Amino acid sequence: MSAIRLLVLGAVRQHGRAHGYQVRNDLEYWGAQDWSNAKPGSIYHALKQMAKQGLLRAHDIAPSTAGGPPRTEYELTAAGETEYFALLRTALSQPDQKVDMLSAGIGFVVDLPRAEAVALLQERVRALQEWRTTVTGYYTPEGGTGQLGHIGEIMNMWVHSADSGAAWTRGLIERIEGGAYVFAGEGEPFVGVLADGQENPYATRDTDRPGGDTDRPGAGRTG
């Protein structure tokens, strides 16, 4: 499952209502373009598609007095809110998610109550242990990789992946249970997004988006 839907829905949700350039700016601030498919074109495409699907509500905003094309702002619908939390829970609990999906889930984990976040991560550990048991039904690590020739290295990689994934998840659970971070319903959350107009030191150029960025402040201006 691609992380782009979760990332875009989560970024819009953090603002309450956001235009495309804000979403892009937030995700680039997180470095998401390096660990996921959150490239500018994918972000704008996801916004438009999810608006068509009824997950986002689009609002056309008049151009600024400085000029430039109209801007579209988005906010989650009730269906979008449901989809967001379904994706978030899947990202945190299922061990077969790609690293970009898990990374996105961790980025939004504090949108959940603390107890639920812990329960989802515990489910991830349980599923990783179950997966490891399945692998070791065919391959015994103690026997060494040579027992299956070089193919044993694949099994070895899976076992190590399950072990390291479970160890990392247990460490996160321990930190959360120890009181780390501010979760839903506990007070003012950590602000992980840029304020509108705040300069992003990690911003990328617009060369990878055909036609440029029409949601970007001042985009399309001449002279």
C-alpha atoms as a PDB file:
ATOM      1  CA  MET A   1       0.000   0.000   0.000  1.00  0.00           C
ATOM      2  CA  SER A   2       1.324   3.421  -0.933  1.00  0.00           C
ATOM      3  CA  ALA A   3       1.933   5.928   1.847  1.00  0.00           C
ATOM      4  CA  ILE A   4       0.907   8.945  -0.218  1.00  0.00           C
ATOM      5  CA  ARG A   5      -2.768   8.816   0.796  1.00  0.00           C
ATOM      6  CA  LEU A   6      -1.949   8.642   4.494  1.00  0.00           C
ATOM      7  CA  LEU A   7       0.680  11.374   4.217  1.00  0.00           C
ATOM      8  CA  VAL A   8      -1.560  13.771   2.305  1.00  0.00           C
ATOM      9  CA  LEU A   9      -4.631  13.161   4.477  1.00  0.00           C
ATOM     10  CA  GLY A  10      -2.545  13.569   7.627  1.00  0.00           C
ATOM     11  CA  ALA A  11      -0.884  16.754   6.438  1.00  0.00           C
ATOM     12  CA  VAL A  12      -4.208  18.347   5.487  1.00  0.00           C
ATOM     13  CA  ARG A  13      -5.711  17.248   8.796  1.00  0.00           C
ATOM     14  CA  GLN A  14      -2.940  18.887  10.815  1.00  0.00           C
ATOM     15  CA  HIS A  15      -3.784  22.243   9.260  1.00  0.00           C
ATOM     16  CA  GLY A  16      -7.537  21.742   9.302  1.00  0.00           C
ATOM     17  CA  ARG A  17      -7.626  23.251   5.850  1.00  0.00           C
ATOM     18  CA  ALA A  18      -4.606  23.467   3.563  1.00  0.00           C
ATOM     19  CA  HIS A  19      -3.656  24.195  -0.023  1.00  0.00           C
ATOM     20  CA  GLY A  20      -1.409  21.964  -2.090  1.00  0.00           C
ATOM     21  CA  TYR A  21       1.780  23.898  -1.519  1.00  0.00           C
ATOM     22  CA  GLN A  22       1.318  23.726   2.264  1.00  0.00           C
ATOM     23  CA  VAL A  23       0.947  19.948   2.050  1.00  0.00           C
ATOM     24  CA  ARG A  24       3.975  19.654  -0.187  1.00  0.00           C
ATOM     25  CA  ASN A  25       6.005  21.955   2.055  1.00  0.00           C
ATOM     26  CA  ASP A  26       5.155  19.936   5.180  1.00  0.00           C
ATOM     27  CA  LEU A  27       6.072  16.621   3.582  1.00  0.00           C
ATOM     28  CA  GLU A  28       9.345  18.010   2.244  1.00  0.00           C
ATOM     29  CA  TYR A  29      10.077  19.391   5.709  1.00  0.00           C
ATOM     30  CA  TRP A  30       9.748  15.802   6.950  1.00  0.00           C
ATOM     31  CA  GLY A  31      12.033  14.593   4.150  1.00  0.00           C
ATOM     32  CA  ALA A  32       9.194  12.396   2.882  1.00  0.00           C
ATOM     33  CA  GLN A  33      10.318  12.834  -0.726  1.00  0.00           C
ATOM     34  CA  ASP A  34      13.395  10.763   0.168  1.00  0.00           C
ATOM     35  CA  TRP A  35      11.677   7.843   1.941  1.00  0.00           C
ATOM     36  CA  SER A  36       8.353   7.687   0.120  1.00  0.00           C
ATOM     37  CA  ASN A  37       6.751   8.493  -3.222  1.00  0.00           C
ATOM     38  CA  ALA A  38       5.642  11.903  -1.936  1.00  0.00           C
ATOM     39  CA  LYS A  39       6.972  13.798  -4.935  1.00  0.00           C
ATOM     40  CA  PRO A  40       5.245  17.057  -5.966  1.00  0.00           C
ATOM     41  CA  GLY A  41       3.323  15.481  -8.845  1.00  0.00           C
ATOM     42  CA  SER A  42       2.128  12.611  -6.639  1.00  0.00           C
ATOM     43  CA  ILE A  43       0.988  15.012  -3.913  1.00  0.00           C
ATOM     44  CA  TYR A  44      -1.123  17.171  -6.233  1.00  0.00           C
ATOM     45  CA  HIS A  45      -2.527  14.112  -7.988  1.00  0.00           C
ATOM     46  CA  ALA A  46      -3.498  12.568  -4.631  1.00  0.00           C
ATOM     47  CA  LEU A  47      -5.241  15.762  -3.530  1.00  0.00           C
ATOM     48  CA  LYS A  48      -7.326  15.916  -6.704  1.00  0.00           C
ATOM     49  CA  GLN A  49      -8.129  12.202  -6.703  1.00  0.00           C
ATOM     50  CA  MET A  50      -9.182  12.123  -3.071  1.00  0.00           C
ATOM     51  CA  ALA A  51     -11.352  15.173  -3.632  1.00  0.00           C
ATOM     52  CA  LYS A  52     -13.092  13.257  -6.450  1.00  0.00           C
ATOM     53  CA  GLN A  53     -13.476  10.270  -4.127  1.00  0.00           C
ATOM     54  CA  GLY A  54     -15.159  12.384  -1.467  1.00  0.00           C
ATOM     55  CA  LEU A  55     -12.326  12.099   1.054  1.00  0.00           C
ATOM     56  CA  LEU A  56     -11.387  15.762   0.722  1.00  0.00           C
ATOM     57  CA  ARG A  57     -13.541  18.843   0.219  1.00  0.00           C
ATOM     58  CA  ALA A  58     -12.048  21.373  -2.192  1.00  0.00           C
ATOM     59  CA  HIS A  59     -12.520  25.114  -1.783  1.00  0.00           C
ATOM     60  CA  ASP A  60     -11.524  27.528  -4.529  1.00  0.00           C
ATOM     61  CA  ILE A  61      -9.947  30.616  -3.015  1.00  0.00           C
ATOM     62  CA  ALA A  62      -9.658  33.942  -4.817  1.00  0.00           C
ATOM     63  CA  PRO A  63      -6.171  35.015  -5.953  1.00  0.00           C
ATOM     64  CA  SER A  64      -4.166  37.236  -3.639  1.00  0.00           C
ATOM     65  CA  THR A  65      -3.907  40.945  -4.346  1.00  0.00           C
ATOM     66  CA  ALA A  66      -0.282  40.283  -5.350  1.00  0.00           C
ATOM     67  CA  GLY A  67      -1.519  38.335  -8.334  1.00  0.00           C
ATOM     68  CA  GLY A  68      -1.292  34.678  -9.310  1.00  0.00           C
ATOM     69  CA  PRO A  69      -3.900  32.027 -10.129  1.00  0.00           C
ATOM     70  CA  PRO A  70      -6.724  30.967  -7.801  1.00  0.00           C
ATOM     71  CA  ARG A  71      -5.698  28.571  -5.071  1.00  0.00           C
ATOM     72  CA  THR A  72      -7.565  25.448  -3.987  1.00  0.00           C
ATOM     73  CA  GLU A  73      -7.711  24.598  -0.304  1.00  0.00           C
ATOM     74  CA  TYR A  74      -8.668  21.166   0.991  1.00  0.00           C
ATOM     75  CA  GLU A  75     -10.144  19.790   4.189  1.00  0.00           C
ATOM     76  CA  LEU A  76     -11.059  16.266   5.255  1.00  0.00           C
ATOM     77  CA  THR A  77     -14.641  15.125   4.929  1.00  0.00           C
ATOM     78  CA  ALA A  78     -16.161  12.648   7.384  1.00  0.00           C
ATOM     79  CA  ALA A  79     -15.232   9.884   4.934  1.00  0.00           C
ATOM     80  CA  GLY A  80     -11.701  11.283   4.741  1.00  0.00           C
ATOM     81  CA  GLU A  81     -11.392  11.228   8.516  1.00  0.00           C
ATOM     82  CA  THR A  82     -12.482   7.578   8.557  1.00  0.00           C
ATOM     83  CA  GLU A  83     -10.045   6.677   5.783  1.00  0.00           C
ATOM     84  CA  TYR A  84      -7.210   8.507   7.523  1.00  0.00           C
ATOM     85  CA  PHE A  85      -7.568   6.589  10.771  1.00  0.00           C
ATOM     86  CA  ALA A  86      -8.038   3.270   8.955  1.00  0.00           C
ATOM     87  CA  LEU A  87      -4.770   3.817   7.067  1.00  0.00           C
ATOM     88  CA  LEU A  88      -2.994   4.970  10.224  1.00  0.00           C
ATOM     89  CA  ARG A  89      -4.060   1.904  12.224  1.00  0.00           C
ATOM     90  CA  THR A  90      -3.021  -0.419   9.395  1.00  0.00           C
ATOM     91  CA  ALA A  91       0.363   1.279   9.057  1.00  0.00           C
ATOM     92  CA  LEU A  92       1.144   0.821  12.755  1.00  0.00           C
ATOM     93  CA  SER A  93      -0.153  -2.709  13.283  1.00  0.00           C
ATOM     94  CA  GLN A  94       0.676  -4.676  10.137  1.00  0.00           C
ATOM     95  CA  PRO A  95       4.274  -5.898   9.711  1.00  0.00           C
ATOM     96  CA  ASP A  96       4.082  -6.348   5.944  1.00  0.00           C
ATOM     97  CA  GLN A  97       3.791  -2.625   5.267  1.00  0.00           C
ATOM     98  CA  LYS A  98       6.552  -0.982   3.266  1.00  0.00           C
ATOM     99  CA  VAL A  99       8.895   1.261   5.188  1.00  0.00           C
ATOM    100  CA  ASP A 100       7.247   4.392   3.783  1.00  0.00           C
ATOM    101  CA  MET A 101       3.856   3.343   5.166  1.00  0.00           C
ATOM    102  CA  LEU A 102       5.280   2.562   8.595  1.00  0.00           C
ATOM    103  CA  SER A 103       7.205   5.852   8.565  1.00  0.00           C
ATOM    104  CA  ALA A 104       4.020   7.761   7.766  1.00  0.00           C
ATOM    105  CA  GLY A 105       2.209   5.930  10.556  1.00  0.00           C
ATOM    106  CA  ILE A 106       4.881   6.862  13.081  1.00  0.00           C
ATOM    107  CA  GLY A 107       4.674  10.453  11.880  1.00  0.00           C
ATOM    108  CA  PHE A 108       0.987  10.598  12.804  1.00  0.00           C
ATOM    109  CA  VAL A 109       0.929   8.156  15.739  1.00  0.00           C
ATOM    110  CA  VAL A 110       0.131  10.908  18.250  1.00  0.00           C
ATOM    111  CA  ASP A 111      -3.230  11.498  16.559  1.00  0.00           C
ATOM    112  CA  LEU A 112      -4.375   8.362  18.392  1.00  0.00           C
ATOM    113  CA  PRO A 113      -4.980   7.895  22.116  1.00  0.00           C
ATOM    114  CA  ARG A 114      -1.856   6.600  23.855  1.00  0.00           C
ATOM    115  CA  ALA A 115      -3.421   3.263  24.834  1.00  0.00           C
ATOM    116  CA  GLU A 116      -4.597   2.571  21.296  1.00  0.00           C
ATOM    117  CA  ALA A 117      -1.178   3.390  19.839  1.00  0.00           C
ATOM    118  CA  VAL A 118       0.413   0.906  22.237  1.00  0.00           C
ATOM    119  CA  ALA A 119      -2.162  -1.771  21.390  1.00  0.00           C
ATOM    120  CA  LEU A 120      -1.564  -1.356  17.641  1.00  0.00           C
ATOM    121  CA  LEU A 121       2.193  -1.587  18.060  1.00  0.00           C
ATOM    122  CA  GLN A 122       1.804  -4.664  20.255  1.00  0.00           C
ATOM    123  CA  GLU A 123      -0.234  -6.203  17.452  1.00  0.00           C
ATOM    124  CA  ARG A 124       2.673  -5.459  15.122  1.00  0.00           C
ATOM    125  CA  VAL A 125       5.082  -7.302  17.428  1.00  0.00           C
ATOM    126  CA  ARG A 126       2.727 -10.286  17.643  1.00  0.00           C
ATOM    127  CA  ALA A 127       2.387 -10.432  13.862  1.00  0.00           C
ATOM    128  CA  LEU A 128       6.169 -10.192  13.397  1.00  0.00           C
ATOM    129  CA  GLN A 129       6.662 -13.093  15.789  1.00  0.00           C
ATOM    130  CA  GLU A 130       4.053 -15.112  13.900  1.00  0.00           C
ATOM    131  CA  TRP A 131       5.765 -14.307  10.603  1.00  0.00           C
ATOM    132  CA  ARG A 132       9.124 -15.392  12.050  1.00  0.00           C
ATOM    133  CA  THR A 133       7.615 -18.703  13.140  1.00  0.00           C
ATOM    134  CA  THR A 134       6.348 -19.278   9.606  1.00  0.00           C
ATOM    135  CA  VAL A 135       9.809 -18.637   8.165  1.00  0.00           C
ATOM    136  CA  THR A 136      11.564 -20.889  10.670  1.00  0.00           C
ATOM    137  CA  GLY A 137       9.152 -23.659   9.767  1.00  0.00           C
ATOM    138  CA  TYR A 138      11.231 -23.957   6.591  1.00  0.00           C
ATOM    139  CA  TYR A 139      14.560 -22.652   7.835  1.00  0.00           C
ATOM    140  CA  THR A 140      16.321 -23.073  11.182  1.00  0.00           C
ATOM    141  CA  PRO A 141      18.721 -20.158  11.842  1.00  0.00           C
ATOM    142  CA  GLU A 142      20.869 -22.298  14.128  1.00  0.00           C
ATOM    143  CA  GLY A 143      21.603 -24.613  11.189  1.00  0.00           C
ATOM    144  CA  GLY A 144      23.318 -21.826   9.295  1.00  0.00           C
ATOM    145  CA  THR A 145      22.543 -20.368   5.895  1.00  0.00           C
ATOM    146  CA  GLY A 146      24.401 -23.121   4.088  1.00  0.00           C
ATOM    147  CA  GLN A 147      21.654 -25.646   4.753  1.00  0.00           C
ATOM    148  CA  LEU A 148      19.718 -24.133   1.845  1.00  0.00           C
ATOM    149  CA  GLY A 149      22.672 -22.966  -0.194  1.00  0.00           C
ATOM    150  CA  HIS A 150      22.715 -19.254  -1.001  1.00  0.00           C
ATOM    151  CA  ILE A 151      18.891 -19.294  -0.898  1.00  0.00           C
ATOM    152  CA  GLY A 152      19.286 -19.599   2.860  1.00  0.00           C
ATOM    153  CA  GLU A 153      20.441 -15.976   2.882  1.00  0.00           C
ATOM    154  CA  ILE A 154      16.907 -14.948   1.910  1.00  0.00           C
ATOM    155  CA  MET A 155      15.481 -16.807   4.886  1.00  0.00           C
ATOM    156  CA  ASN A 156      18.237 -15.380   7.074  1.00  0.00           C
ATOM    157  CA  MET A 157      17.318 -11.870   5.966  1.00  0.00           C
ATOM    158  CA  TRP A 158      13.648 -12.476   6.812  1.00  0.00           C
ATOM    159  CA  VAL A 159      14.469 -13.781  10.282  1.00  0.00           C
ATOM    160  CA  HIS A 160      16.765 -10.831  11.025  1.00  0.00           C
ATOM    161  CA  SER A 161      14.161  -8.431   9.649  1.00  0.00           C
ATOM    162  CA  ALA A 162      11.493  -9.869  11.951  1.00  0.00           C
ATOM    163  CA  ASP A 163      13.819  -9.780  14.963  1.00  0.00           C
ATOM    164  CA  SER A 164      15.028  -6.226  14.388  1.00  0.00           C
ATOM    165  CA  GLY A 165      11.509  -4.988  13.587  1.00  0.00           C
ATOM    166  CA  ALA A 166      10.129  -6.492  16.780  1.00  0.00           C
ATOM    167  CA  ALA A 167      13.007  -5.102  18.874  1.00  0.00           C
ATOM    168  CA  TRP A 168      12.532  -1.599  17.487  1.00  0.00           C
ATOM    169  CA  THR A 169       8.769  -1.754  18.030  1.00  0.00           C
ATOM    170  CA  ARG A 170       9.165  -2.929  21.626  1.00  0.00           C
ATOM    171  CA  GLY A 171      11.501  -0.012  22.266  1.00  0.00           C
ATOM    172  CA  LEU A 172       8.923   2.424  20.893  1.00  0.00           C
ATOM    173  CA  ILE A 173       6.201   0.834  23.016  1.00  0.00           C
ATOM    174  CA  GLU A 174       8.397   1.207  26.100  1.00  0.00           C
ATOM    175  CA  ARG A 175       8.980   4.890  25.394  1.00  0.00           C
ATOM    176  CA  ILE A 176       5.290   5.552  24.812  1.00  0.00           C
ATOM    177  CA  GLU A 177       4.259   3.663  27.944  1.00  0.00           C
ATOM    178  CA  GLY A 178       6.897   5.635  29.830  1.00  0.00           C
ATOM    179  CA  GLY A 179       5.111   8.896  28.987  1.00  0.00           C
ATOM    180  CA  ALA A 180       6.951  10.072  25.888  1.00  0.00           C
ATOM    181  CA  TYR A 181       5.176  12.479  23.536  1.00  0.00           C
ATOM    182  CA  VAL A 182       1.733  14.093  23.714  1.00  0.00           C
ATOM    183  CA  PHE A 183      -1.068  11.902  22.362  1.00  0.00           C
ATOM    184  CA  ALA A 184      -4.674  12.667  21.448  1.00  0.00           C
ATOM    185  CA  GLY A 185      -6.648  14.028  24.368  1.00  0.00           C
ATOM    186  CA  GLU A 186      -3.590  14.795  26.493  1.00  0.00           C
ATOM    187  CA  GLY A 187      -2.985  18.457  25.710  1.00  0.00           C
ATOM    188  CA  GLU A 188      -1.274  20.580  23.093  1.00  0.00           C
ATOM    189  CA  PRO A 189       0.362  18.293  20.513  1.00  0.00           C
ATOM    190  CA  PHE A 190       3.822  18.712  19.067  1.00  0.00           C
ATOM    191  CA  VAL A 191       3.656  20.983  15.999  1.00  0.00           C
ATOM    192  CA  GLY A 192       5.370  19.147  13.173  1.00  0.00           C
ATOM    193  CA  VAL A 193       4.226  21.368  10.321  1.00  0.00           C
ATOM    194  CA  LEU A 194       5.367  24.697   8.995  1.00  0.00           C
ATOM    195  CA  ALA A 195       3.300  27.837   9.492  1.00  0.00           C
ATOM    196  CA  ASP A 196       1.874  29.283   6.294  1.00  0.00           C
ATOM    197  CA  GLY A 197       4.622  31.371   4.729  1.00  0.00           C
ATOM    198  CA  GLN A 198       7.387  29.925   6.910  1.00  0.00           C
ATOM    199  CA  GLU A 199      10.500  29.179   4.861  1.00  0.00           C
ATOM    200  CA  ASN A 200      11.273  25.513   4.357  1.00  0.00           C
ATOM    201  CA  PRO A 201      15.035  24.820   4.251  1.00  0.00           C
ATOM    202  CA  TYR A 202      14.379  21.409   2.656  1.00  0.00           C
ATOM    203  CA  ALA A 203      12.122  22.594  -0.171  1.00  0.00           C
ATOM    204  CA  THR A 204      12.758  21.161  -3.624  1.00  0.00           C
ATOM    205  CA  ARG A 205      12.558  22.904  -6.961  1.00  0.00           C
ATOM    206  CA  ASP A 206       9.464  22.760  -9.177  1.00  0.00           C
ATOM    207  CA  THR A 207      11.212  21.225 -12.164  1.00  0.00           C
ATOM    208  CA  ASP A 208       9.673  17.799 -11.535  1.00  0.00           C
ATOM    209  CA  ARG A 209       6.108  19.061 -11.802  1.00  0.00           C
ATOM    210  CA  PRO A 210       4.891  19.804 -15.361  1.00  0.00           C
ATOM    211  CA  GLY A 211       3.692  23.364 -15.619  1.00  0.00           C
ATOM    212  CA  GLY A 212       5.149  24.373 -12.281  1.00  0.00           C
ATOM    213  CA  ASP A 213       3.316  24.708  -8.978  1.00  0.00           C
ATOM    214  CA  THR A 214       0.114  26.686  -9.399  1.00  0.00           C
ATOM    215  CA  ASP A 215      -0.685  26.420  -5.689  1.00  0.00           C
ATOM    216  CA  ARG A 216       2.598  27.954  -4.679  1.00  0.00           C
ATOM    217  CA  PRO A 217       2.360  31.569  -3.455  1.00  0.00           C
ATOM    218  CA  GLY A 218       3.158  33.825  -6.379  1.00  0.00           C
ATOM    219  CA  ALA A 219       3.328  30.957  -8.887  1.00  0.00           C
ATOM    220  CA  GLY A 220       2.345  31.924 -12.370  1.00  0.00           C
ATOM    221  CA  ARG A 221       3.206  35.593 -11.897  1.00  0.00           C
ATOM    222  CA  THR A 222       4.914  37.488 -14.655  1.00  0.00           C
ATOM    223  CA  GLY A 223       7.064  40.551 -14.602  1.00  0.00           C
END
